[in-house]
Amino acid sequence: MRKRPSQQFYVSLSNRSKLLLDATIFCLFAPIGPASDIMALGSLHPLNIAAIALMAGGVAPIYARAGFTGQAVRYVTAGLVFQLSVILWLQFSSLDNPVPLALDADALATARRRMQIDVALLLGFIVIGYSAFIQFWNREGTRYFVQNTEIRLAQRIHQKLVPDVAGRTRDIEWAGFSRASGDIGGDLVDAFEGPAGVIGCVADVSGHGVGAGLLMGMFKTAFRAASEETSEPSEILARTHVTLAGLTEPNMYITAAAIRVSGRHLHIAGGGHPPALIYRHRDGQVEQVESTGPAIALLDDFNCRTVERTLEPGDVALLLTDGITEASDGDGEEVGLAGVSSVLMLSARAPLHTLLARVGALATHGARADDQTLLVIRAR
């Protein structure tokens, strides 16, 4: 189960910050002890005041942790046991002083001294709690602003690494985009014209956030470097795998589809990626081209093959990531390849930016759970 933002925030705190937060919450509720003595006109025994303050202040951080951590059973049970123990002690102890029926001068003086002590305790809890809160805010506020600044910088770098792509040659035109689900995405779309034709790719890094975005940038660099040495899509992916295999964590990998279009000949290779879709203008049908190898940087060895298809004028090839196919449509069902194929058949003749918008609109229902990336190539 995915953690709520408050739980994610609490997990990120240091032990010292958690203690400061506990102290703040304790001091917020502990004044119930001296306040109870004020209401009882100073008749509570000091041990009873301490017990009430300890119960009210001590149980509050315990219940707070139940919400912060999501471990409700553990912390609520501990809080109830602690609270019940103090209540039973208060119930069976006989430490209180009786409230005098008539307040003479001595009684008034005694009550006044007790009220002064109670007010001093109240103010003490407020000062200590406020001090703990300020320390907590200084520590976590500084950490937040540092991290936020780094994330904004990473976002700007990410936008430069994964811009929208578009272009055309005598035989084809292409366009593509990538939309991140969070601050920083792990998807990549890339397409450029080289000596051997137009080379492009769509890639999806496992996971989300800064780590995925960093690996995506490394993938693009390695992919571009490999494409300068060879134009064969399968060989480009293989060389990219060699570069990245020793640089990734065990649970990180990249699925990718690479293409080269020379004239109207489409060469495509995929590593653990969703199938490419090819709309055939002649009969209005959509062909699926499956991946021919494993994900990149997942296994020690990488091997895939290039598949060749001929594009006729009006044919459209579409590459995408599973952020599109696994998104929910208006009926709460997955979009799937069938949903994308339907839009592709209906909009294959539309301008490419319109086709991209219509396919992208399939995955706009509800919150975006994953990055969404598309690349389309149409033969002219």
Protein backbone atom coordinates (compact mmCIF):
# COMPACT_ATOMS: atom_id res chain seq x y z
CA MET A 1 0.00 0.00 0.00
CA ARG A 2 1.30 3.42 -0.98
CA LYS A 3 2.12 5.67 1.99
CA ARG A 4 0.21 8.91 2.46
CA PRO A 5 2.25 12.14 2.14
CA SER A 6 2.20 12.63 5.93
CA GLN A 7 3.58 9.11 6.42
CA GLN A 8 6.28 9.65 3.79
CA PHE A 9 7.25 12.90 5.51
CA TYR A 10 7.43 11.28 8.95
CA VAL A 11 9.58 8.40 7.68
CA SER A 12 12.03 10.93 6.25
CA LEU A 13 12.56 12.60 9.65
CA SER A 14 15.71 12.02 11.67
CA ASN A 15 15.37 10.52 15.16
CA ARG A 16 16.14 13.91 16.72
CA SER A 17 13.40 15.59 14.69
CA LYS A 18 10.93 12.90 15.72
CA LEU A 19 11.79 13.52 19.38
CA LEU A 20 11.35 17.27 18.92
CA LEU A 21 7.95 16.65 17.35
CA ASP A 22 7.00 14.34 20.24
CA ALA A 23 8.08 17.02 22.73
CA THR A 24 5.99 19.64 20.93
CA ILE A 25 2.88 17.47 21.02
CA PHE A 26 3.52 16.50 24.66
CA CYS A 27 3.75 20.13 25.74
CA LEU A 28 0.57 20.94 23.82
CA PHE A 29 -1.51 18.52 25.92
CA ALA A 30 0.39 18.28 29.22
CA PRO A 31 -1.10 21.61 30.48
CA ILE A 32 -4.31 19.66 31.07
CA GLY A 33 -2.65 18.60 34.36
CA PRO A 34 -2.24 22.05 35.96
CA ALA A 35 -5.49 23.21 34.28
CA SER A 36 -7.29 20.40 36.12
CA ASP A 37 -5.87 21.64 39.41
CA ILE A 38 -7.09 25.16 38.66
CA MET A 39 -10.58 23.80 38.01
CA ALA A 40 -10.39 21.86 41.30
CA LEU A 41 -9.44 25.08 43.16
CA GLY A 42 -5.98 23.75 43.97
CA SER A 43 -7.19 20.61 45.74
CA LEU A 44 -5.30 18.08 43.61
CA HIS A 45 -2.27 16.36 45.05
CA PRO A 46 0.95 17.24 43.16
CA LEU A 47 1.36 13.58 42.18
CA ASN A 48 -2.15 13.59 40.71
CA ILE A 49 -1.35 16.74 38.73
CA ALA A 50 1.81 15.09 37.42
CA ALA A 51 -0.10 11.93 36.54
CA ILE A 52 -2.76 13.83 34.57
CA ALA A 53 -0.11 15.87 32.76
CA LEU A 54 1.84 12.70 31.97
CA MET A 55 -1.29 10.90 30.74
CA ALA A 56 -2.57 13.76 28.55
CA GLY A 57 0.83 14.75 27.24
CA GLY A 58 2.24 11.25 26.94
CA VAL A 59 -0.64 9.63 25.12
CA ALA A 60 -0.89 12.41 22.51
CA PRO A 61 2.45 11.64 20.76
CA ILE A 62 1.61 7.94 20.83
CA TYR A 63 -1.69 8.53 19.01
CA ALA A 64 0.04 10.97 16.66
CA ARG A 65 2.54 8.28 15.71
CA ALA A 66 -0.36 5.98 14.89
CA GLY A 67 -1.34 8.42 12.16
CA PHE A 68 2.16 9.35 11.08
CA THR A 69 3.34 5.77 10.65
CA GLY A 70 0.13 4.02 9.63
CA GLN A 71 0.71 1.48 12.44
CA ALA A 72 -2.60 2.20 14.14
CA VAL A 73 -2.99 -1.11 15.97
CA ARG A 74 0.46 -0.97 17.51
CA TYR A 75 0.39 2.61 18.75
CA VAL A 76 -3.32 2.86 19.63
CA THR A 77 -3.00 -0.30 21.74
CA ALA A 78 0.04 1.11 23.52
CA GLY A 79 -1.75 4.41 24.08
CA LEU A 80 -4.86 2.78 25.51
CA VAL A 81 -2.82 0.60 27.88
CA PHE A 82 -0.85 3.63 29.07
CA GLN A 83 -3.98 5.76 29.46
CA LEU A 84 -5.90 3.05 31.28
CA SER A 85 -3.01 2.49 33.70
CA VAL A 86 -2.92 6.15 34.69
CA ILE A 87 -6.72 6.34 35.01
CA LEU A 88 -6.76 3.31 37.32
CA TRP A 89 -4.01 4.82 39.43
CA LEU A 90 -5.95 8.06 39.73
CA GLN A 91 -9.14 6.17 40.53
CA PHE A 92 -7.74 4.19 43.43
CA SER A 93 -5.33 6.73 44.89
CA SER A 94 -6.50 8.95 47.77
CA LEU A 95 -4.04 11.76 47.57
CA ASP A 96 -6.37 14.72 46.96
CA ASN A 97 -7.03 17.34 49.59
CA PRO A 98 -10.67 18.23 50.29
CA VAL A 99 -11.89 21.61 49.00
CA PRO A 100 -12.70 23.84 52.02
CA LEU A 101 -16.36 24.83 52.31
CA ALA A 102 -15.44 28.37 53.29
CA LEU A 103 -12.36 30.19 52.10
CA ASP A 104 -10.76 32.24 54.85
CA ALA A 105 -7.72 34.43 54.39
CA ASP A 106 -5.25 31.57 54.85
CA ALA A 107 -7.17 29.32 52.43
CA LEU A 108 -7.31 32.10 49.87
CA ALA A 109 -3.58 32.69 50.21
CA THR A 110 -2.90 28.97 49.81
CA ALA A 111 -5.20 28.75 46.78
CA ARG A 112 -3.51 31.80 45.28
CA ARG A 113 -0.06 30.23 45.65
CA ARG A 114 -1.36 27.01 44.02
CA MET A 115 -2.85 28.96 41.13
CA GLN A 116 0.44 30.78 40.64
CA ILE A 117 2.28 27.46 40.53
CA ASP A 118 -0.29 26.04 38.08
CA VAL A 119 -0.04 29.08 35.82
CA ALA A 120 3.76 28.86 35.96
CA LEU A 121 3.51 25.22 34.89
CA LEU A 122 1.17 26.15 32.05
CA LEU A 123 3.55 28.85 30.85
CA GLY A 124 6.50 26.46 31.21
CA PHE A 125 4.86 23.87 29.00
CA ILE A 126 4.05 26.55 26.43
CA VAL A 127 7.61 27.88 26.37
CA ILE A 128 9.18 24.42 26.19
CA GLY A 129 6.72 23.27 23.51
CA TYR A 130 7.26 26.41 21.44
CA SER A 131 11.04 26.04 21.73
CA ALA A 132 10.84 22.40 20.62
CA PHE A 133 8.63 23.39 17.68
CA ILE A 134 11.03 26.15 16.59
CA GLN A 135 13.95 23.71 16.68
CA PHE A 136 11.90 21.17 14.71
CA TRP A 137 10.91 23.81 12.16
CA ASN A 138 14.47 25.09 11.76
CA ARG A 139 15.83 21.59 11.17
CA GLU A 140 13.11 20.34 8.83
CA GLY A 141 12.42 23.71 7.18
CA THR A 142 16.06 24.03 6.20
CA ARG A 143 16.11 20.45 4.93
CA TYR A 144 12.91 21.02 2.96
CA PHE A 145 14.12 24.19 1.26
CA VAL A 146 17.45 22.61 0.36
CA GLN A 147 15.71 19.57 -1.11
CA ASN A 148 13.10 21.73 -2.84
CA THR A 149 15.84 23.82 -4.46
CA GLU A 150 17.60 20.67 -5.65
CA ILE A 151 14.36 19.25 -7.05
CA ARG A 152 13.58 22.48 -8.95
CA LEU A 153 17.08 22.40 -10.44
CA ALA A 154 16.60 18.74 -11.37
CA GLN A 155 13.26 19.63 -12.99
CA ARG A 156 14.88 22.27 -15.19
CA ILE A 157 17.61 19.82 -16.19
CA HIS A 158 14.97 17.16 -16.87
CA GLN A 159 13.00 19.53 -19.13
CA LYS A 160 16.13 20.17 -21.17
CA LEU A 161 16.94 16.46 -21.35
CA VAL A 162 13.43 15.44 -22.45
CA PRO A 163 11.97 18.18 -24.65
CA ASP A 164 9.13 17.57 -27.08
CA VAL A 165 10.51 16.29 -30.39
CA ALA A 166 9.33 16.98 -33.94
CA GLY A 167 10.81 16.93 -37.42
CA ARG A 168 10.39 15.80 -40.99
CA THR A 169 12.35 14.54 -43.98
CA ARG A 170 11.34 13.89 -47.56
CA ASP A 171 9.87 10.50 -46.59
CA ILE A 172 8.60 10.80 -42.99
CA GLU A 173 7.51 13.19 -40.26
CA TRP A 174 7.67 12.58 -36.52
CA ALA A 175 6.59 14.08 -33.20
CA GLY A 176 6.65 13.02 -29.57
CA PHE A 177 6.35 14.12 -25.97
CA SER A 178 6.93 12.86 -22.42
CA ARG A 179 4.83 13.94 -19.42
CA ALA A 180 6.11 13.17 -15.92
CA SER A 181 3.75 11.92 -13.22
CA GLY A 182 5.65 13.80 -10.50
CA ASP A 183 8.31 16.45 -10.15
CA ILE A 184 10.87 14.45 -12.11
CA GLY A 185 10.10 11.77 -14.69
CA GLY A 186 11.87 8.58 -15.64
CA ASP A 187 10.59 8.34 -19.23
CA LEU A 188 12.49 9.43 -22.33
CA VAL A 189 11.50 10.30 -25.88
CA ASP A 190 14.22 11.13 -28.37
CA ALA A 191 14.43 11.40 -32.16
CA PHE A 192 17.09 12.93 -34.39
CA GLU A 193 18.33 12.72 -37.97
CA GLY A 194 21.69 11.05 -38.55
CA PRO A 195 23.75 9.93 -41.53
CA ALA A 196 21.93 6.57 -41.72
CA GLY A 197 18.42 7.98 -41.25
CA VAL A 198 16.21 9.09 -38.40
CA ILE A 199 17.03 7.41 -35.09
CA GLY A 200 14.68 7.54 -32.15
CA CYS A 201 13.68 5.83 -28.93
CA VAL A 202 11.12 5.68 -26.19
CA ALA A 203 12.35 4.46 -22.79
CA ASP A 204 10.92 3.90 -19.33
CA VAL A 205 13.11 3.71 -16.22
CA SER A 206 11.81 1.62 -13.32
CA GLY A 207 10.68 3.61 -10.32
CA HIS A 208 10.03 7.32 -9.96
CA GLY A 209 11.65 10.48 -8.67
CA VAL A 210 15.20 11.78 -8.71
CA GLY A 211 16.84 8.34 -9.02
CA ALA A 212 14.76 7.43 -12.07
CA GLY A 213 15.38 10.84 -13.63
CA LEU A 214 19.14 10.48 -13.11
CA LEU A 215 19.18 7.04 -14.73
CA MET A 216 17.08 8.36 -17.61
CA GLY A 217 19.68 11.07 -18.25
CA MET A 218 22.42 8.44 -18.21
CA PHE A 219 20.42 6.32 -20.64
CA LYS A 220 20.01 9.20 -23.08
CA THR A 221 23.73 9.95 -22.98
CA ALA A 222 24.62 6.29 -23.52
CA PHE A 223 22.01 5.92 -26.29
CA ARG A 224 23.28 8.97 -28.16
CA ALA A 225 26.88 7.80 -27.82
CA ALA A 226 25.99 4.31 -29.09
CA SER A 227 24.07 5.75 -32.05
CA GLU A 228 27.24 7.52 -33.19
CA GLU A 229 28.99 4.16 -33.44
CA THR A 230 26.20 2.14 -35.08
CA SER A 231 22.77 2.77 -36.58
CA GLU A 232 21.38 -0.74 -35.96
CA PRO A 233 18.67 -0.41 -33.24
CA SER A 234 19.45 -3.74 -31.58
CA GLU A 235 23.15 -2.93 -31.46
CA ILE A 236 22.46 0.53 -30.06
CA LEU A 237 20.45 -1.01 -27.21
CA ALA A 238 23.12 -3.66 -26.62
CA ARG A 239 25.88 -1.04 -26.32
CA THR A 240 23.68 1.08 -24.07
CA HIS A 241 23.18 -1.97 -21.84
CA VAL A 242 26.93 -2.51 -21.57
CA THR A 243 27.41 1.11 -20.51
CA LEU A 244 24.66 1.10 -17.88
CA ALA A 245 24.80 -2.45 -16.51
CA GLY A 246 27.52 -1.65 -14.01
CA LEU A 247 26.05 1.69 -12.96
CA THR A 248 22.56 0.71 -11.79
CA GLU A 249 21.17 -0.64 -8.56
CA PRO A 250 19.88 -4.25 -8.57
CA ASN A 251 16.24 -3.14 -8.62
CA MET A 252 16.66 -0.59 -11.43
CA TYR A 253 16.34 -1.27 -15.14
CA ILE A 254 15.13 0.37 -18.34
CA THR A 255 12.63 -0.84 -20.91
CA ALA A 256 13.13 0.74 -24.32
CA ALA A 257 12.19 0.61 -27.98
CA ALA A 258 14.69 1.96 -30.52
CA ILE A 259 14.02 2.72 -34.17
CA ARG A 260 15.82 3.76 -37.31
CA VAL A 261 13.90 4.95 -40.36
CA SER A 262 15.83 5.00 -43.62
CA GLY A 263 13.69 6.09 -46.52
CA ARG A 264 10.46 4.26 -45.76
CA HIS A 265 12.15 1.27 -44.12
CA LEU A 266 11.46 1.05 -40.38
CA HIS A 267 13.95 -0.89 -38.26
CA ILE A 268 12.85 -1.47 -34.68
CA ALA A 269 14.19 -3.31 -31.63
CA GLY A 270 12.73 -3.48 -28.14
CA GLY A 271 13.98 -4.45 -24.73
CA GLY A 272 11.16 -5.47 -22.38
CA HIS A 273 9.00 -2.65 -23.76
CA PRO A 274 5.31 -2.51 -24.72
CA PRO A 275 4.68 -3.41 -28.38
CA ALA A 276 5.02 -0.78 -31.08
CA LEU A 277 1.88 -0.14 -33.10
CA ILE A 278 1.88 0.32 -36.89
CA TYR A 279 -1.26 1.64 -38.59
CA ARG A 280 -1.57 0.45 -42.18
CA HIS A 281 -3.22 3.05 -44.38
CA ARG A 282 -4.01 0.50 -47.07
CA ASP A 283 -6.46 -1.59 -44.98
CA GLY A 284 -6.98 0.56 -41.88
CA GLN A 285 -5.63 -2.12 -39.51
CA VAL A 286 -3.08 -1.87 -36.70
CA GLU A 287 -0.11 -4.24 -36.42
CA GLN A 288 1.70 -4.90 -33.17
CA VAL A 289 5.48 -5.37 -33.14
CA GLU A 290 6.59 -7.09 -29.94
CA SER A 291 9.84 -6.46 -28.08
CA THR A 292 12.64 -8.77 -29.09
CA GLY A 293 14.79 -8.75 -25.96
CA PRO A 294 14.88 -8.25 -22.17
CA ALA A 295 14.95 -4.97 -20.29
CA ILE A 296 18.23 -3.08 -20.29
CA ALA A 297 20.50 -3.39 -17.22
CA LEU A 298 18.23 -6.09 -15.78
CA LEU A 299 20.23 -9.21 -16.68
CA ASP A 300 23.96 -9.74 -17.08
CA ASP A 301 23.58 -10.54 -20.77
CA PHE A 302 21.51 -8.57 -23.24
CA ASN A 303 20.51 -9.82 -26.64
CA CYS A 304 17.76 -8.68 -28.97
CA ARG A 305 17.17 -8.51 -32.70
CA THR A 306 16.00 -5.83 -35.10
CA VAL A 307 12.69 -6.21 -36.90
CA GLU A 308 12.18 -4.51 -40.27
CA ARG A 309 8.92 -3.17 -41.67
CA THR A 310 8.20 -1.16 -44.80
CA LEU A 311 6.11 1.97 -44.43
CA GLU A 312 3.84 3.14 -47.22
CA PRO A 313 2.54 6.72 -47.49
CA GLY A 314 -0.02 7.29 -44.75
CA ASP A 315 1.27 4.51 -42.49
CA VAL A 316 1.89 5.54 -38.88
CA ALA A 317 4.23 3.91 -36.35
CA LEU A 318 3.56 4.65 -32.68
CA LEU A 319 5.85 3.94 -29.71
CA LEU A 320 4.63 4.47 -26.15
CA THR A 321 5.26 3.65 -22.50
CA ASP A 322 2.94 1.73 -20.19
CA GLY A 323 1.93 4.97 -18.47
CA ILE A 324 -0.52 5.30 -21.37
CA THR A 325 -1.78 1.73 -21.64
CA GLU A 326 -2.08 1.14 -17.89
CA ALA A 327 -3.91 4.40 -17.17
CA SER A 328 -7.65 4.33 -16.44
CA ASP A 329 -10.18 5.49 -18.99
CA GLY A 330 -13.47 7.21 -18.22
CA ASP A 331 -15.08 3.89 -17.22
CA GLY A 332 -12.34 2.95 -14.76
CA GLU A 333 -10.84 0.35 -17.10
CA GLU A 334 -7.26 0.22 -18.38
CA VAL A 335 -6.75 2.03 -21.69
CA GLY A 336 -4.74 -0.90 -23.04
CA LEU A 337 -3.27 -1.32 -26.51
CA ALA A 338 -6.79 -1.78 -27.88
CA GLY A 339 -7.81 1.69 -26.74
CA VAL A 340 -4.71 3.27 -28.26
CA SER A 341 -5.21 1.31 -31.50
CA SER A 342 -8.78 2.57 -31.80
CA VAL A 343 -7.70 6.20 -31.54
CA LEU A 344 -4.82 5.54 -33.92
CA MET A 345 -7.17 4.14 -36.57
CA LEU A 346 -9.54 7.09 -36.22
CA SER A 347 -6.90 9.83 -36.13
CA ALA A 348 -4.07 8.48 -38.33
CA ARG A 349 -4.68 11.18 -40.96
CA ALA A 350 -4.85 14.05 -38.47
CA PRO A 351 -1.88 16.37 -37.88
CA LEU A 352 0.65 14.66 -35.65
CA HIS A 353 0.15 17.06 -32.76
CA THR A 354 -3.59 16.29 -32.91
CA LEU A 355 -2.92 12.55 -32.96
CA LEU A 356 -0.60 12.88 -29.96
CA ALA A 357 -3.18 14.93 -28.06
CA ARG A 358 -5.96 12.42 -28.73
CA VAL A 359 -3.90 9.42 -27.62
CA GLY A 360 -2.65 11.34 -24.59
CA ALA A 361 -6.24 12.28 -23.70
CA LEU A 362 -7.01 8.58 -23.16
CA ALA A 363 -4.91 8.65 -20.00
CA THR A 364 -6.09 11.89 -18.41
CA HIS A 365 -8.79 10.45 -16.13
CA GLY A 366 -7.87 10.59 -12.45
CA ALA A 367 -4.40 11.25 -11.05
CA ARG A 368 -1.44 10.46 -13.30
CA ALA A 369 0.15 7.45 -11.64
CA ASP A 370 2.99 6.96 -14.13
CA ASP A 371 4.97 8.92 -16.69
CA GLN A 372 3.34 9.02 -20.13
CA THR A 373 5.40 9.10 -23.31
CA LEU A 374 4.57 8.89 -27.02
CA LEU A 375 6.47 8.97 -30.31
CA VAL A 376 4.72 8.81 -33.70
CA ILE A 377 6.28 8.50 -37.16
CA ARG A 378 4.21 8.88 -40.32
CA ALA A 379 5.33 8.04 -43.84
CA ARG A 380 4.67 10.82 -46.37
